[in-house]
Amino acid sequence: MKTIVRKKYLDRIIELNGTPDIKIITGIRRSGKSKLMQAYMEHLKANYENINIIFIDFMDLDFEEIKEYHALHFYVEQHYAEGKTNYLFVDEVQMYPKFELAINSLYSKGKYDIYVTGSNAFLLSTDLATLFTG
């Protein structure tokens, strides 16, 4: 499968690095949201030292056990690295119920630069902004 480089979108995400808001990448199914997130993670690894990337893909069965918001919160906190810039990437966040409770709690700690992707109509709705505190 050929990957389409989305330089414009990648540059926009790069501009948001370190901003205090929760960054949300939305779009229709199979539009490349996950690939864009992976490209950004590769950019971070290539250009920054002393970083910790926590990546969760809810389409991957390896993460099945943390599809409950308390478990997600615990998992992320267990993978936090003191003294580093901690990035949290959650792909297909809409795959588990009450995800916003875990994301908001993690956001409130001020320890993570948070990025999420999602593709369903719920994430594309205008109500999304009211779920997140950032």
N, C-alpha and C. Protein backbone atom coordinates (compact mmCIF):
# COMPACT_ATOMS: atom_id res chain seq x y z
N MET A 1 0.84 -1.17 0.00
CA MET A 1 0.00 0.00 0.00
C MET A 1 0.89 1.24 0.00
N LYS A 2 0.57 2.18 -0.82
CA LYS A 2 1.32 3.42 -0.91
C LYS A 2 0.86 4.40 0.18
N THR A 3 1.83 4.99 0.86
CA THR A 3 1.52 5.99 1.88
C THR A 3 1.58 7.38 1.25
N ILE A 4 0.58 8.17 1.50
CA ILE A 4 0.55 9.54 1.01
C ILE A 4 1.07 10.44 2.11
N VAL A 5 2.12 11.20 1.80
CA VAL A 5 2.70 12.11 2.78
C VAL A 5 1.80 13.34 2.89
N ARG A 6 1.39 13.64 4.09
CA ARG A 6 0.51 14.78 4.35
C ARG A 6 1.30 15.88 5.05
N LYS A 7 2.24 16.47 4.32
CA LYS A 7 3.16 17.45 4.90
C LYS A 7 2.44 18.63 5.54
N LYS A 8 1.40 19.12 4.90
CA LYS A 8 0.65 20.26 5.44
C LYS A 8 0.08 19.93 6.83
N TYR A 9 -0.52 18.74 6.95
CA TYR A 9 -1.11 18.34 8.23
C TYR A 9 -0.03 18.06 9.26
N LEU A 10 1.06 17.42 8.83
CA LEU A 10 2.16 17.14 9.75
C LEU A 10 2.77 18.44 10.26
N ASP A 11 2.97 19.40 9.38
CA ASP A 11 3.51 20.70 9.81
C ASP A 11 2.60 21.38 10.82
N ARG A 12 1.31 21.24 10.63
CA ARG A 12 0.34 21.86 11.56
C ARG A 12 0.44 21.22 12.95
N ILE A 13 0.58 19.90 12.98
CA ILE A 13 0.74 19.22 14.27
C ILE A 13 2.06 19.61 14.93
N ILE A 14 3.10 19.72 14.14
CA ILE A 14 4.41 20.12 14.67
C ILE A 14 4.31 21.49 15.32
N GLU A 15 3.56 22.40 14.71
CA GLU A 15 3.36 23.74 15.27
C GLU A 15 2.69 23.69 16.64
N LEU A 16 1.88 22.66 16.88
CA LEU A 16 1.14 22.54 18.14
C LEU A 16 1.93 21.85 19.25
N ASN A 17 3.13 21.40 18.94
CA ASN A 17 3.96 20.70 19.92
C ASN A 17 4.13 21.55 21.19
N GLY A 18 3.80 20.93 22.31
CA GLY A 18 3.99 21.60 23.59
C GLY A 18 2.88 22.55 24.00
N THR A 19 1.89 22.76 23.16
CA THR A 19 0.79 23.62 23.57
C THR A 19 -0.05 22.88 24.61
N PRO A 20 -0.70 23.59 25.48
CA PRO A 20 -1.38 22.92 26.59
C PRO A 20 -2.69 22.22 26.24
N ASP A 21 -3.18 22.39 25.05
CA ASP A 21 -4.47 21.80 24.68
C ASP A 21 -4.34 20.32 24.33
N ILE A 22 -5.46 19.62 24.41
CA ILE A 22 -5.55 18.25 23.90
C ILE A 22 -5.72 18.38 22.39
N LYS A 23 -4.84 17.74 21.64
CA LYS A 23 -4.90 17.81 20.19
C LYS A 23 -5.70 16.63 19.66
N ILE A 24 -6.68 16.91 18.80
CA ILE A 24 -7.58 15.88 18.29
C ILE A 24 -7.47 15.83 16.77
N ILE A 25 -7.19 14.63 16.25
CA ILE A 25 -7.12 14.42 14.81
C ILE A 25 -8.35 13.61 14.43
N THR A 26 -9.23 14.20 13.65
CA THR A 26 -10.45 13.51 13.24
C THR A 26 -10.52 13.44 11.72
N GLY A 27 -11.38 12.57 11.25
CA GLY A 27 -11.59 12.44 9.82
C GLY A 27 -12.35 11.17 9.54
N ILE A 28 -12.67 10.98 8.29
CA ILE A 28 -13.41 9.79 7.91
C ILE A 28 -12.52 8.56 8.02
N ARG A 29 -13.14 7.39 8.05
CA ARG A 29 -12.39 6.14 8.13
C ARG A 29 -11.40 6.05 6.97
N ARG A 30 -10.23 5.50 7.28
CA ARG A 30 -9.19 5.22 6.28
C ARG A 30 -8.65 6.49 5.63
N SER A 31 -8.71 7.62 6.33
CA SER A 31 -8.20 8.87 5.75
C SER A 31 -6.75 9.14 6.12
N GLY A 32 -6.16 8.31 6.96
CA GLY A 32 -4.74 8.47 7.28
C GLY A 32 -4.44 9.11 8.62
N LYS A 33 -5.41 9.14 9.50
CA LYS A 33 -5.20 9.76 10.82
C LYS A 33 -4.10 9.04 11.60
N SER A 34 -4.16 7.73 11.61
CA SER A 34 -3.16 6.94 12.34
C SER A 34 -1.78 7.10 11.73
N LYS A 35 -1.71 7.13 10.42
CA LYS A 35 -0.42 7.32 9.73
C LYS A 35 0.15 8.70 10.02
N LEU A 36 -0.72 9.69 10.09
CA LEU A 36 -0.28 11.04 10.44
C LEU A 36 0.28 11.07 11.86
N MET A 37 -0.40 10.41 12.78
CA MET A 37 0.08 10.34 14.15
C MET A 37 1.43 9.63 14.22
N GLN A 38 1.58 8.54 13.47
CA GLN A 38 2.85 7.82 13.45
C GLN A 38 3.96 8.67 12.86
N ALA A 39 3.66 9.44 11.81
CA ALA A 39 4.66 10.33 11.21
C ALA A 39 5.10 11.38 12.22
N TYR A 40 4.18 11.88 13.01
CA TYR A 40 4.52 12.87 14.04
C TYR A 40 5.40 12.25 15.13
N MET A 41 5.07 11.03 15.53
CA MET A 41 5.91 10.36 16.53
C MET A 41 7.33 10.15 15.99
N GLU A 42 7.45 9.80 14.73
CA GLU A 42 8.77 9.64 14.12
C GLU A 42 9.52 10.97 14.08
N HIS A 43 8.80 12.05 13.79
CA HIS A 43 9.40 13.38 13.82
C HIS A 43 9.94 13.70 15.22
N LEU A 44 9.16 13.40 16.23
CA LEU A 44 9.59 13.67 17.60
C LEU A 44 10.86 12.88 17.94
N LYS A 45 10.86 11.60 17.61
CA LYS A 45 12.02 10.75 17.89
C LYS A 45 13.28 11.24 17.18
N ALA A 46 13.11 11.74 15.96
CA ALA A 46 14.25 12.19 15.16
C ALA A 46 14.77 13.56 15.58
N ASN A 47 13.92 14.37 16.21
CA ASN A 47 14.30 15.76 16.45
C ASN A 47 14.41 16.17 17.92
N TYR A 48 14.01 15.30 18.82
CA TYR A 48 14.04 15.66 20.24
C TYR A 48 14.68 14.55 21.05
N GLU A 49 15.43 14.96 22.04
CA GLU A 49 15.98 14.00 23.00
C GLU A 49 15.19 14.11 24.29
N ASN A 50 15.39 13.17 25.15
CA ASN A 50 14.77 13.19 26.47
C ASN A 50 13.24 13.25 26.40
N ILE A 51 12.68 12.40 25.53
CA ILE A 51 11.23 12.32 25.42
C ILE A 51 10.76 10.91 25.74
N ASN A 52 9.53 10.81 26.16
CA ASN A 52 8.88 9.52 26.42
C ASN A 52 7.56 9.52 25.66
N ILE A 53 7.41 8.55 24.77
CA ILE A 53 6.19 8.45 23.98
C ILE A 53 5.38 7.26 24.48
N ILE A 54 4.16 7.56 24.90
CA ILE A 54 3.20 6.54 25.32
C ILE A 54 2.18 6.44 24.19
N PHE A 55 2.12 5.29 23.53
CA PHE A 55 1.24 5.11 22.39
C PHE A 55 0.26 3.98 22.67
N ILE A 56 -1.02 4.26 22.47
CA ILE A 56 -2.08 3.28 22.68
C ILE A 56 -2.95 3.25 21.43
N ASP A 57 -3.11 2.05 20.86
CA ASP A 57 -3.92 1.88 19.66
C ASP A 57 -5.09 0.96 20.01
N PHE A 58 -6.28 1.51 20.12
CA PHE A 58 -7.42 0.72 20.54
C PHE A 58 -7.97 -0.19 19.44
N MET A 59 -7.38 -0.19 18.27
CA MET A 59 -7.73 -1.18 17.26
C MET A 59 -6.85 -2.43 17.43
N ASP A 60 -5.81 -2.32 18.24
CA ASP A 60 -4.87 -3.42 18.48
C ASP A 60 -5.32 -4.19 19.72
N LEU A 61 -5.49 -5.48 19.60
CA LEU A 61 -5.94 -6.30 20.73
C LEU A 61 -4.96 -6.31 21.90
N ASP A 62 -3.72 -5.90 21.67
CA ASP A 62 -2.76 -5.81 22.77
C ASP A 62 -3.23 -4.84 23.85
N PHE A 63 -4.11 -3.92 23.49
CA PHE A 63 -4.60 -2.92 24.44
C PHE A 63 -6.02 -3.21 24.92
N GLU A 64 -6.52 -4.39 24.64
CA GLU A 64 -7.89 -4.78 25.01
C GLU A 64 -8.15 -4.60 26.51
N GLU A 65 -7.16 -4.91 27.32
CA GLU A 65 -7.36 -4.87 28.78
C GLU A 65 -7.46 -3.47 29.35
N ILE A 66 -7.13 -2.46 28.57
CA ILE A 66 -7.22 -1.10 29.11
C ILE A 66 -8.33 -0.30 28.44
N LYS A 67 -9.33 -0.97 27.92
CA LYS A 67 -10.46 -0.27 27.30
C LYS A 67 -11.46 0.28 28.32
N GLU A 68 -11.16 0.19 29.56
CA GLU A 68 -11.97 0.78 30.62
C GLU A 68 -11.20 2.01 31.11
N TYR A 69 -11.88 3.10 31.36
CA TYR A 69 -11.18 4.36 31.59
C TYR A 69 -10.25 4.36 32.80
N HIS A 70 -10.59 3.64 33.86
CA HIS A 70 -9.68 3.55 35.00
C HIS A 70 -8.39 2.82 34.60
N ALA A 71 -8.54 1.76 33.83
CA ALA A 71 -7.38 0.98 33.38
C ALA A 71 -6.50 1.81 32.45
N LEU A 72 -7.12 2.59 31.58
CA LEU A 72 -6.36 3.47 30.70
C LEU A 72 -5.55 4.47 31.52
N HIS A 73 -6.21 5.10 32.46
CA HIS A 73 -5.53 6.07 33.31
C HIS A 73 -4.35 5.43 34.04
N PHE A 74 -4.56 4.27 34.63
CA PHE A 74 -3.50 3.57 35.35
C PHE A 74 -2.34 3.21 34.42
N TYR A 75 -2.66 2.71 33.24
CA TYR A 75 -1.62 2.33 32.26
C TYR A 75 -0.74 3.52 31.91
N VAL A 76 -1.36 4.65 31.61
CA VAL A 76 -0.60 5.84 31.23
C VAL A 76 0.27 6.31 32.39
N GLU A 77 -0.29 6.36 33.57
CA GLU A 77 0.49 6.80 34.73
C GLU A 77 1.67 5.86 35.01
N GLN A 78 1.49 4.57 34.76
CA GLN A 78 2.57 3.60 34.96
C GLN A 78 3.69 3.80 33.94
N HIS A 79 3.37 4.37 32.78
CA HIS A 79 4.37 4.56 31.73
C HIS A 79 4.93 5.99 31.69
N TYR A 80 4.54 6.80 32.65
CA TYR A 80 5.09 8.16 32.76
C TYR A 80 6.57 8.07 33.11
N ALA A 81 7.38 8.93 32.50
CA ALA A 81 8.82 8.95 32.77
C ALA A 81 9.20 10.31 33.37
N GLU A 82 9.56 10.28 34.62
CA GLU A 82 9.97 11.50 35.34
C GLU A 82 11.18 12.13 34.66
N GLY A 83 11.17 13.46 34.54
CA GLY A 83 12.31 14.18 33.98
C GLY A 83 12.36 14.21 32.46
N LYS A 84 11.35 13.65 31.82
CA LYS A 84 11.28 13.67 30.36
C LYS A 84 10.02 14.40 29.92
N THR A 85 10.00 14.81 28.66
CA THR A 85 8.77 15.33 28.08
C THR A 85 7.93 14.13 27.69
N ASN A 86 6.76 14.00 28.29
CA ASN A 86 5.90 12.84 28.07
C ASN A 86 4.79 13.17 27.08
N TYR A 87 4.78 12.41 26.00
CA TYR A 87 3.75 12.54 24.97
C TYR A 87 2.81 11.35 25.09
N LEU A 88 1.52 11.63 25.05
CA LEU A 88 0.51 10.58 25.07
C LEU A 88 -0.24 10.60 23.74
N PHE A 89 -0.22 9.45 23.05
CA PHE A 89 -0.93 9.29 21.79
C PHE A 89 -1.95 8.17 21.97
N VAL A 90 -3.22 8.47 21.73
CA VAL A 90 -4.27 7.46 21.82
C VAL A 90 -4.98 7.42 20.47
N ASP A 91 -4.83 6.28 19.80
CA ASP A 91 -5.40 6.10 18.47
C ASP A 91 -6.73 5.37 18.58
N GLU A 92 -7.73 5.89 17.88
CA GLU A 92 -9.09 5.35 17.89
C GLU A 92 -9.70 5.40 19.29
N VAL A 93 -9.63 6.55 19.89
CA VAL A 93 -10.06 6.76 21.28
C VAL A 93 -11.54 6.44 21.49
N GLN A 94 -12.34 6.58 20.47
CA GLN A 94 -13.78 6.34 20.62
C GLN A 94 -14.11 4.88 20.84
N MET A 95 -13.12 3.99 20.78
CA MET A 95 -13.37 2.56 20.90
C MET A 95 -13.68 2.11 22.32
N TYR A 96 -13.57 3.01 23.28
CA TYR A 96 -13.94 2.59 24.62
C TYR A 96 -14.82 3.64 25.29
N PRO A 97 -15.73 3.18 26.17
CA PRO A 97 -16.69 4.10 26.79
C PRO A 97 -16.04 5.01 27.82
N LYS A 98 -16.54 6.21 27.90
CA LYS A 98 -16.12 7.21 28.88
C LYS A 98 -14.63 7.56 28.77
N PHE A 99 -14.08 7.47 27.56
CA PHE A 99 -12.67 7.79 27.37
C PHE A 99 -12.33 9.19 27.85
N GLU A 100 -13.30 10.12 27.75
CA GLU A 100 -13.02 11.50 28.12
C GLU A 100 -12.69 11.65 29.60
N LEU A 101 -13.18 10.75 30.45
CA LEU A 101 -12.86 10.83 31.88
C LEU A 101 -11.37 10.58 32.12
N ALA A 102 -10.83 9.58 31.46
CA ALA A 102 -9.40 9.30 31.60
C ALA A 102 -8.55 10.41 30.98
N ILE A 103 -8.92 10.84 29.79
CA ILE A 103 -8.14 11.88 29.10
C ILE A 103 -8.16 13.18 29.89
N ASN A 104 -9.32 13.57 30.40
CA ASN A 104 -9.41 14.80 31.19
C ASN A 104 -8.59 14.70 32.47
N SER A 105 -8.62 13.57 33.13
CA SER A 105 -7.85 13.39 34.35
C SER A 105 -6.35 13.50 34.06
N LEU A 106 -5.91 12.86 33.00
CA LEU A 106 -4.49 12.92 32.63
C LEU A 106 -4.12 14.34 32.22
N TYR A 107 -4.99 15.00 31.51
CA TYR A 107 -4.75 16.38 31.10
C TYR A 107 -4.60 17.30 32.32
N SER A 108 -5.43 17.09 33.32
CA SER A 108 -5.43 17.97 34.49
C SER A 108 -4.13 17.88 35.28
N LYS A 109 -3.38 16.83 35.12
CA LYS A 109 -2.11 16.66 35.81
C LYS A 109 -1.01 17.54 35.21
N GLY A 110 -1.20 17.98 33.97
CA GLY A 110 -0.22 18.85 33.32
C GLY A 110 1.09 18.17 33.00
N LYS A 111 1.11 16.86 32.94
CA LYS A 111 2.35 16.11 32.74
C LYS A 111 2.50 15.57 31.32
N TYR A 112 1.47 15.69 30.51
CA TYR A 112 1.45 15.05 29.20
C TYR A 112 1.10 16.03 28.10
N ASP A 113 1.72 15.85 26.94
CA ASP A 113 1.30 16.52 25.72
C ASP A 113 0.42 15.48 25.02
N ILE A 114 -0.89 15.73 24.94
CA ILE A 114 -1.86 14.70 24.57
C ILE A 114 -2.39 14.89 23.14
N TYR A 115 -2.40 13.75 22.41
CA TYR A 115 -2.90 13.70 21.03
C TYR A 115 -3.82 12.49 20.93
N VAL A 116 -5.00 12.68 20.33
CA VAL A 116 -5.93 11.57 20.14
C VAL A 116 -6.46 11.58 18.71
N THR A 117 -6.78 10.38 18.21
CA THR A 117 -7.46 10.28 16.91
C THR A 117 -8.77 9.56 17.11
N GLY A 118 -9.69 9.83 16.22
CA GLY A 118 -10.96 9.13 16.23
C GLY A 118 -11.68 9.36 14.93
N SER A 119 -12.52 8.40 14.55
CA SER A 119 -13.14 8.52 13.24
C SER A 119 -14.65 8.45 13.22
N ASN A 120 -15.29 8.20 14.34
CA ASN A 120 -16.75 8.05 14.24
C ASN A 120 -17.47 9.39 14.29
N ALA A 121 -18.74 9.37 14.04
CA ALA A 121 -19.52 10.60 13.99
C ALA A 121 -19.50 11.34 15.31
N PHE A 122 -19.37 10.61 16.41
CA PHE A 122 -19.33 11.26 17.73
C PHE A 122 -18.14 12.20 17.82
N LEU A 123 -16.97 11.75 17.38
CA LEU A 123 -15.78 12.60 17.46
C LEU A 123 -15.83 13.74 16.47
N LEU A 124 -16.60 13.59 15.42
CA LEU A 124 -16.70 14.66 14.44
C LEU A 124 -17.75 15.70 14.83
N SER A 125 -18.50 15.41 15.86
CA SER A 125 -19.58 16.33 16.24
C SER A 125 -19.03 17.54 16.98
N THR A 126 -19.82 18.58 17.04
CA THR A 126 -19.42 19.78 17.75
C THR A 126 -19.45 19.58 19.26
N ASP A 127 -20.09 18.50 19.73
CA ASP A 127 -20.15 18.23 21.16
C ASP A 127 -18.80 17.79 21.73
N LEU A 128 -17.87 17.43 20.89
CA LEU A 128 -16.57 16.95 21.34
C LEU A 128 -15.86 17.98 22.23
N ALA A 129 -15.93 19.22 21.85
CA ALA A 129 -15.23 20.25 22.60
C ALA A 129 -15.71 20.33 24.05
N THR A 130 -16.95 19.98 24.30
CA THR A 130 -17.47 20.06 25.66
C THR A 130 -17.01 18.89 26.52
N LEU A 131 -16.51 17.83 25.91
CA LEU A 131 -16.05 16.66 26.69
C LEU A 131 -14.69 16.88 27.32
N PHE A 132 -13.84 17.59 26.61
CA PHE A 132 -12.47 17.79 27.07
C PHE A 132 -12.32 19.12 27.79
N THR A 133 -11.50 19.11 28.83
CA THR A 133 -11.29 20.34 29.58
C THR A 133 -10.30 21.26 28.88
N GLY A 134 -9.49 20.73 27.98
CA GLY A 134 -8.48 21.54 27.30
C GLY A 134 -8.96 21.98 25.98
